[in-house]
Amino acid sequence: MKISCKEASCICDKSQYKEATLWDIIKLRLHLLYCKVCRGYSKKNEELTSLCDRAGLTMLSEDDKKKMKRELEEKL
């Protein structure tokens, strides 16, 4: 049940983008109970997410990403 800090940071990043499973979140929460460093990392991630939300940043759609990739490949 105990996870490494590396795994905790990975789960934290997934959680930021709402890609973490419930089980991942439970493991992360348990890890954060005893790891001060990861608690700090998690807090910074939450702040970053909040700033991005307030700035109204959006992501490209999958179609737009594919189109951009094709255009870049053509120019190279």
PDB file of N, CA and C in Angstrom:
ATOM      1  N   MET A   1       0.826  -1.201   0.000  1.00  0.00           N
ATOM      2  CA  MET A   1       0.000   0.000   0.000  1.00  0.00           C
ATOM      3  C   MET A   1       0.866   1.260   0.000  1.00  0.00           C
ATOM      4  N   LYS A   2       2.057   1.192   0.618  1.00  0.00           N
ATOM      5  CA  LYS A   2       2.942   2.343   0.660  1.00  0.00           C
ATOM      6  C   LYS A   2       3.524   2.582  -0.731  1.00  0.00           C
ATOM      7  N   ILE A   3       3.528   3.861  -1.162  1.00  0.00           N
ATOM      8  CA  ILE A   3       4.051   4.203  -2.479  1.00  0.00           C
ATOM      9  C   ILE A   3       5.265   5.110  -2.327  1.00  0.00           C
ATOM     10  N   SER A   4       6.074   5.160  -3.364  1.00  0.00           N
ATOM     11  CA  SER A   4       7.257   6.006  -3.356  1.00  0.00           C
ATOM     12  C   SER A   4       6.870   7.457  -3.659  1.00  0.00           C
ATOM     13  N   CYS A   5       7.787   8.355  -3.375  1.00  0.00           N
ATOM     14  CA  CYS A   5       7.550   9.765  -3.689  1.00  0.00           C
ATOM     15  C   CYS A   5       7.404   9.966  -5.199  1.00  0.00           C
ATOM     16  N   LYS A   6       8.152   9.206  -5.976  1.00  0.00           N
ATOM     17  CA  LYS A   6       8.062   9.308  -7.433  1.00  0.00           C
ATOM     18  C   LYS A   6       6.663   8.929  -7.905  1.00  0.00           C
ATOM     19  N   GLU A   7       6.125   7.834  -7.375  1.00  0.00           N
ATOM     20  CA  GLU A   7       4.778   7.416  -7.744  1.00  0.00           C
ATOM     21  C   GLU A   7       3.751   8.435  -7.252  1.00  0.00           C
ATOM     22  N   ALA A   8       3.979   8.983  -6.064  1.00  0.00           N
ATOM     23  CA  ALA A   8       3.062   9.985  -5.515  1.00  0.00           C
ATOM     24  C   ALA A   8       3.015  11.226  -6.412  1.00  0.00           C
ATOM     25  N   SER A   9       4.169  11.673  -6.893  1.00  0.00           N
ATOM     26  CA  SER A   9       4.183  12.853  -7.752  1.00  0.00           C
ATOM     27  C   SER A   9       3.489  12.567  -9.081  1.00  0.00           C
ATOM     28  N   CYS A  10       3.649  11.353  -9.583  1.00  0.00           N
ATOM     29  CA  CYS A  10       2.970  10.958 -10.826  1.00  0.00           C
ATOM     30  C   CYS A  10       1.451  10.979 -10.635  1.00  0.00           C
ATOM     31  N   ILE A  11       0.996  10.413  -9.535  1.00  0.00           N
ATOM     32  CA  ILE A  11      -0.440  10.402  -9.240  1.00  0.00           C
ATOM     33  C   ILE A  11      -0.947  11.831  -9.043  1.00  0.00           C
ATOM     34  N   CYS A  12      -0.141  12.648  -8.372  1.00  0.00           N
ATOM     35  CA  CYS A  12      -0.513  14.048  -8.147  1.00  0.00           C
ATOM     36  C   CYS A  12      -0.710  14.764  -9.485  1.00  0.00           C
ATOM     37  N   ASP A  13       0.198  14.526 -10.423  1.00  0.00           N
ATOM     38  CA  ASP A  13       0.083  15.136 -11.748  1.00  0.00           C
ATOM     39  C   ASP A  13      -1.168  14.635 -12.475  1.00  0.00           C
ATOM     40  N   LYS A  14      -1.425  13.331 -12.384  1.00  0.00           N
ATOM     41  CA  LYS A  14      -2.629  12.776 -13.013  1.00  0.00           C
ATOM     42  C   LYS A  14      -3.876  13.392 -12.401  1.00  0.00           C
ATOM     43  N   SER A  15      -3.855  13.547 -11.092  1.00  0.00           N
ATOM     44  CA  SER A  15      -4.996  14.103 -10.383  1.00  0.00           C
ATOM     45  C   SER A  15      -5.272  15.530 -10.843  1.00  0.00           C
ATOM     46  N   GLN A  16      -4.211  16.273 -11.107  1.00  0.00           N
ATOM     47  CA  GLN A  16      -4.348  17.650 -11.560  1.00  0.00           C
ATOM     48  C   GLN A  16      -5.155  17.711 -12.860  1.00  0.00           C
ATOM     49  N   TYR A  17      -4.986  16.713 -13.719  1.00  0.00           N
ATOM     50  CA  TYR A  17      -5.683  16.684 -14.996  1.00  0.00           C
ATOM     51  C   TYR A  17      -6.896  15.757 -14.977  1.00  0.00           C
ATOM     52  N   LYS A  18      -7.296  15.367 -13.777  1.00  0.00           N
ATOM     53  CA  LYS A  18      -8.482  14.521 -13.565  1.00  0.00           C
ATOM     54  C   LYS A  18      -8.362  13.178 -14.280  1.00  0.00           C
ATOM     55  N   GLU A  19      -7.144  12.621 -14.277  1.00  0.00           N
ATOM     56  CA  GLU A  19      -6.882  11.326 -14.910  1.00  0.00           C
ATOM     57  C   GLU A  19      -6.578  10.242 -13.881  1.00  0.00           C
ATOM     58  N   ALA A  20      -6.545  10.588 -12.602  1.00  0.00           N
ATOM     59  CA  ALA A  20      -6.224   9.620 -11.549  1.00  0.00           C
ATOM     60  C   ALA A  20      -7.471   8.817 -11.168  1.00  0.00           C
ATOM     61  N   THR A  21      -7.252   7.544 -10.887  1.00  0.00           N
ATOM     62  CA  THR A  21      -8.365   6.699 -10.448  1.00  0.00           C
ATOM     63  C   THR A  21      -8.623   6.953  -8.965  1.00  0.00           C
ATOM     64  N   LEU A  22      -9.749   6.469  -8.491  1.00  0.00           N
ATOM     65  CA  LEU A  22     -10.088   6.607  -7.077  1.00  0.00           C
ATOM     66  C   LEU A  22      -9.022   5.929  -6.222  1.00  0.00           C
ATOM     67  N   TRP A  23      -8.576   4.747  -6.629  1.00  0.00           N
ATOM     68  CA  TRP A  23      -7.562   4.020  -5.877  1.00  0.00           C
ATOM     69  C   TRP A  23      -6.250   4.813  -5.834  1.00  0.00           C
ATOM     70  N   ASP A  24      -5.880   5.442  -6.945  1.00  0.00           N
ATOM     71  CA  ASP A  24      -4.676   6.271  -6.981  1.00  0.00           C
ATOM     72  C   ASP A  24      -4.792   7.430  -5.984  1.00  0.00           C
ATOM     73  N   ILE A  25      -5.930   8.053  -5.959  1.00  0.00           N
ATOM     74  CA  ILE A  25      -6.143   9.195  -5.067  1.00  0.00           C
ATOM     75  C   ILE A  25      -6.061   8.766  -3.604  1.00  0.00           C
ATOM     76  N   ILE A  26      -6.610   7.599  -3.295  1.00  0.00           N
ATOM     77  CA  ILE A  26      -6.531   7.079  -1.924  1.00  0.00           C
ATOM     78  C   ILE A  26      -5.077   6.837  -1.537  1.00  0.00           C
ATOM     79  N   LYS A  27      -4.312   6.199  -2.439  1.00  0.00           N
ATOM     80  CA  LYS A  27      -2.895   5.952  -2.157  1.00  0.00           C
ATOM     81  C   LYS A  27      -2.141   7.265  -1.969  1.00  0.00           C
ATOM     82  N   LEU A  28      -2.447   8.256  -2.797  1.00  0.00           N
ATOM     83  CA  LEU A  28      -1.792   9.556  -2.686  1.00  0.00           C
ATOM     84  C   LEU A  28      -2.113  10.208  -1.348  1.00  0.00           C
ATOM     85  N   ARG A  29      -3.379  10.196  -0.972  1.00  0.00           N
ATOM     86  CA  ARG A  29      -3.782  10.821   0.308  1.00  0.00           C
ATOM     87  C   ARG A  29      -3.056  10.174   1.481  1.00  0.00           C
ATOM     88  N   LEU A  30      -2.933   8.862   1.460  1.00  0.00           N
ATOM     89  CA  LEU A  30      -2.216   8.176   2.537  1.00  0.00           C
ATOM     90  C   LEU A  30      -0.747   8.585   2.552  1.00  0.00           C
ATOM     91  N   HIS A  31      -0.154   8.687   1.383  1.00  0.00           N
ATOM     92  CA  HIS A  31       1.253   9.085   1.286  1.00  0.00           C
ATOM     93  C   HIS A  31       1.438  10.512   1.817  1.00  0.00           C
ATOM     94  N   LEU A  32       0.494  11.383   1.495  1.00  0.00           N
ATOM     95  CA  LEU A  32       0.610  12.779   1.911  1.00  0.00           C
ATOM     96  C   LEU A  32       0.512  12.939   3.428  1.00  0.00           C
ATOM     97  N   LEU A  33      -0.086  11.961   4.096  1.00  0.00           N
ATOM     98  CA  LEU A  33      -0.190  12.024   5.559  1.00  0.00           C
ATOM     99  C   LEU A  33       1.181  12.018   6.226  1.00  0.00           C
ATOM    100  N   TYR A  34       2.146  11.327   5.634  1.00  0.00           N
ATOM    101  CA  TYR A  34       3.447  11.214   6.285  1.00  0.00           C
ATOM    102  C   TYR A  34       4.600  11.837   5.496  1.00  0.00           C
ATOM    103  N   CYS A  35       4.365  12.351   4.318  1.00  0.00           N
ATOM    104  CA  CYS A  35       5.460  12.905   3.510  1.00  0.00           C
ATOM    105  C   CYS A  35       5.288  14.418   3.314  1.00  0.00           C
ATOM    106  N   LYS A  36       6.100  15.178   4.020  1.00  0.00           N
ATOM    107  CA  LYS A  36       6.030  16.632   3.962  1.00  0.00           C
ATOM    108  C   LYS A  36       6.418  17.174   2.578  1.00  0.00           C
ATOM    109  N   VAL A  37       7.408  16.566   1.969  1.00  0.00           N
ATOM    110  CA  VAL A  37       7.873  17.029   0.653  1.00  0.00           C
ATOM    111  C   VAL A  37       6.766  16.895  -0.390  1.00  0.00           C
ATOM    112  N   CYS A  38       6.108  15.754  -0.408  1.00  0.00           N
ATOM    113  CA  CYS A  38       5.030  15.535  -1.381  1.00  0.00           C
ATOM    114  C   CYS A  38       3.807  16.398  -1.085  1.00  0.00           C
ATOM    115  N   ARG A  39       3.571  16.690   0.187  1.00  0.00           N
ATOM    116  CA  ARG A  39       2.478  17.615   0.526  1.00  0.00           C
ATOM    117  C   ARG A  39       2.751  18.973  -0.101  1.00  0.00           C
ATOM    118  N   GLY A  40       4.006  19.426  -0.039  1.00  0.00           N
ATOM    119  CA  GLY A  40       4.373  20.697  -0.657  1.00  0.00           C
ATOM    120  C   GLY A  40       4.199  20.666  -2.165  1.00  0.00           C
ATOM    121  N   TYR A  41       4.617  19.562  -2.769  1.00  0.00           N
ATOM    122  CA  TYR A  41       4.471  19.400  -4.223  1.00  0.00           C
ATOM    123  C   TYR A  41       2.992  19.423  -4.612  1.00  0.00           C
ATOM    124  N   SER A  42       2.187  18.713  -3.842  1.00  0.00           N
ATOM    125  CA  SER A  42       0.751  18.652  -4.116  1.00  0.00           C
ATOM    126  C   SER A  42       0.113  20.032  -3.990  1.00  0.00           C
ATOM    127  N   LYS A  43       0.513  20.772  -2.981  1.00  0.00           N
ATOM    128  CA  LYS A  43      -0.027  22.116  -2.789  1.00  0.00           C
ATOM    129  C   LYS A  43       0.341  23.018  -3.964  1.00  0.00           C
ATOM    130  N   LYS A  44       1.589  22.932  -4.420  1.00  0.00           N
ATOM    131  CA  LYS A  44       2.021  23.741  -5.569  1.00  0.00           C
ATOM    132  C   LYS A  44       1.237  23.356  -6.828  1.00  0.00           C
ATOM    133  N   ASN A  45       0.960  22.068  -6.994  1.00  0.00           N
ATOM    134  CA  ASN A  45       0.167  21.620  -8.137  1.00  0.00           C
ATOM    135  C   ASN A  45      -1.242  22.204  -8.080  1.00  0.00           C
ATOM    136  N   GLU A  46      -1.833  22.212  -6.889  1.00  0.00           N
ATOM    137  CA  GLU A  46      -3.172  22.784  -6.725  1.00  0.00           C
ATOM    138  C   GLU A  46      -3.171  24.274  -7.058  1.00  0.00           C
ATOM    139  N   GLU A  47      -2.128  24.979  -6.631  1.00  0.00           N
ATOM    140  CA  GLU A  47      -2.016  26.408  -6.936  1.00  0.00           C
ATOM    141  C   GLU A  47      -1.885  26.635  -8.442  1.00  0.00           C
ATOM    142  N   LEU A  48      -1.086  25.819  -9.094  1.00  0.00           N
ATOM    143  CA  LEU A  48      -0.908  25.931 -10.541  1.00  0.00           C
ATOM    144  C   LEU A  48      -2.222  25.686 -11.270  1.00  0.00           C
ATOM    145  N   THR A  49      -2.946  24.663 -10.863  1.00  0.00           N
ATOM    146  CA  THR A  49      -4.243  24.363 -11.473  1.00  0.00           C
ATOM    147  C   THR A  49      -5.201  25.530 -11.297  1.00  0.00           C
ATOM    148  N   SER A  50      -5.224  26.093 -10.103  1.00  0.00           N
ATOM    149  CA  SER A  50      -6.099  27.231  -9.817  1.00  0.00           C
ATOM    150  C   SER A  50      -5.745  28.432 -10.691  1.00  0.00           C
ATOM    151  N   LEU A  51      -4.453  28.707 -10.828  1.00  0.00           N
ATOM    152  CA  LEU A  51      -4.025  29.826 -11.675  1.00  0.00           C
ATOM    153  C   LEU A  51      -4.419  29.611 -13.130  1.00  0.00           C
ATOM    154  N   CYS A  52      -4.247  28.387 -13.615  1.00  0.00           N
ATOM    155  CA  CYS A  52      -4.618  28.080 -15.006  1.00  0.00           C
ATOM    156  C   CYS A  52      -6.124  28.222 -15.204  1.00  0.00           C
ATOM    157  N   ASP A  53      -6.899  27.777 -14.225  1.00  0.00           N
ATOM    158  CA  ASP A  53      -8.359  27.897 -14.320  1.00  0.00           C
ATOM    159  C   ASP A  53      -8.775  29.364 -14.347  1.00  0.00           C
ATOM    160  N   ARG A  54      -8.185  30.158 -13.474  1.00  0.00           N
ATOM    161  CA  ARG A  54      -8.538  31.580 -13.419  1.00  0.00           C
ATOM    162  C   ARG A  54      -8.096  32.319 -14.685  1.00  0.00           C
ATOM    163  N   ALA A  55      -7.026  31.875 -15.311  1.00  0.00           N
ATOM    164  CA  ALA A  55      -6.528  32.522 -16.528  1.00  0.00           C
ATOM    165  C   ALA A  55      -7.351  32.115 -17.751  1.00  0.00           C
ATOM    166  N   GLY A  56      -8.192  31.089 -17.575  1.00  0.00           N
ATOM    167  CA  GLY A  56      -9.028  30.645 -18.686  1.00  0.00           C
ATOM    168  C   GLY A  56      -8.249  29.893 -19.753  1.00  0.00           C
ATOM    169  N   LEU A  57      -7.153  29.263 -19.371  1.00  0.00           N
ATOM    170  CA  LEU A  57      -6.359  28.507 -20.333  1.00  0.00           C
ATOM    171  C   LEU A  57      -7.118  27.265 -20.789  1.00  0.00           C
ATOM    172  N   THR A  58      -6.997  26.965 -22.041  1.00  0.00           N
ATOM    173  CA  THR A  58      -7.658  25.778 -22.584  1.00  0.00           C
ATOM    174  C   THR A  58      -6.639  24.924 -23.308  1.00  0.00           C
ATOM    175  N   MET A  59      -6.996  23.679 -23.523  1.00  0.00           N
ATOM    176  CA  MET A  59      -6.122  22.751 -24.240  1.00  0.00           C
ATOM    177  C   MET A  59      -6.617  22.595 -25.669  1.00  0.00           C
ATOM    178  N   LEU A  60      -5.698  22.229 -26.548  1.00  0.00           N
ATOM    179  CA  LEU A  60      -6.083  21.940 -27.924  1.00  0.00           C
ATOM    180  C   LEU A  60      -6.858  20.635 -27.982  1.00  0.00           C
ATOM    181  N   SER A  61      -7.783  20.559 -28.918  1.00  0.00           N
ATOM    182  CA  SER A  61      -8.500  19.299 -29.120  1.00  0.00           C
ATOM    183  C   SER A  61      -7.550  18.300 -29.776  1.00  0.00           C
ATOM    184  N   GLU A  62      -7.901  17.031 -29.729  1.00  0.00           N
ATOM    185  CA  GLU A  62      -7.065  15.991 -30.351  1.00  0.00           C
ATOM    186  C   GLU A  62      -6.908  16.248 -31.846  1.00  0.00           C
ATOM    187  N   ASP A  63      -7.982  16.681 -32.513  1.00  0.00           N
ATOM    188  CA  ASP A  63      -7.914  16.981 -33.947  1.00  0.00           C
ATOM    189  C   ASP A  63      -6.941  18.119 -34.227  1.00  0.00           C
ATOM    190  N   ASP A  64      -6.996  19.167 -33.390  1.00  0.00           N
ATOM    191  CA  ASP A  64      -6.085  20.296 -33.571  1.00  0.00           C
ATOM    192  C   ASP A  64      -4.633  19.874 -33.351  1.00  0.00           C
ATOM    193  N   LYS A  65      -4.402  19.010 -32.372  1.00  0.00           N
ATOM    194  CA  LYS A  65      -3.045  18.515 -32.107  1.00  0.00           C
ATOM    195  C   LYS A  65      -2.520  17.730 -33.303  1.00  0.00           C
ATOM    196  N   LYS A  66      -3.366  16.865 -33.881  1.00  0.00           N
ATOM    197  CA  LYS A  66      -2.955  16.065 -35.035  1.00  0.00           C
ATOM    198  C   LYS A  66      -2.665  16.954 -36.236  1.00  0.00           C
ATOM    199  N   LYS A  67      -3.515  17.954 -36.428  1.00  0.00           N
ATOM    200  CA  LYS A  67      -3.323  18.886 -37.541  1.00  0.00           C
ATOM    201  C   LYS A  67      -2.010  19.643 -37.376  1.00  0.00           C
ATOM    202  N   MET A  68      -1.733  20.117 -36.164  1.00  0.00           N
ATOM    203  CA  MET A  68      -0.491  20.844 -35.900  1.00  0.00           C
ATOM    204  C   MET A  68       0.726  19.948 -36.113  1.00  0.00           C
ATOM    205  N   LYS A  69       0.630  18.706 -35.690  1.00  0.00           N
ATOM    206  CA  LYS A  69       1.726  17.756 -35.864  1.00  0.00           C
ATOM    207  C   LYS A  69       2.000  17.520 -37.351  1.00  0.00           C
ATOM    208  N   ARG A  70       0.938  17.339 -38.142  1.00  0.00           N
ATOM    209  CA  ARG A  70       1.096  17.131 -39.588  1.00  0.00           C
ATOM    210  C   ARG A  70       1.778  18.335 -40.234  1.00  0.00           C
ATOM    211  N   GLU A  71       1.322  19.536 -39.843  1.00  0.00           N
ATOM    212  CA  GLU A  71       1.889  20.759 -40.416  1.00  0.00           C
ATOM    213  C   GLU A  71       3.374  20.907 -40.070  1.00  0.00           C
ATOM    214  N   LEU A  72       3.727  20.560 -38.833  1.00  0.00           N
ATOM    215  CA  LEU A  72       5.137  20.620 -38.423  1.00  0.00           C
ATOM    216  C   LEU A  72       5.977  19.619 -39.198  1.00  0.00           C
ATOM    217  N   GLU A  73       5.460  18.405 -39.364  1.00  0.00           N
ATOM    218  CA  GLU A  73       6.181  17.372 -40.099  1.00  0.00           C
ATOM    219  C   GLU A  73       6.385  17.765 -41.553  1.00  0.00           C
ATOM    220  N   GLU A  74       5.390  18.434 -42.140  1.00  0.00           N
ATOM    221  CA  GLU A  74       5.506  18.867 -43.527  1.00  0.00           C
ATOM    222  C   GLU A  74       6.600  19.916 -43.689  1.00  0.00           C
ATOM    223  N   LYS A  75       6.732  20.780 -42.702  1.00  0.00           N
ATOM    224  CA  LYS A  75       7.724  21.849 -42.781  1.00  0.00           C
ATOM    225  C   LYS A  75       9.133  21.376 -42.477  1.00  0.00           C
ATOM    226  N   LEU A  76       9.248  20.235 -41.818  1.00  0.00           N
ATOM    227  CA  LEU A  76      10.579  19.689 -41.524  1.00  0.00           C
ATOM    228  C   LEU A  76      11.008  18.860 -42.688  1.00  0.00           C
TER     229      LEU A  76
END
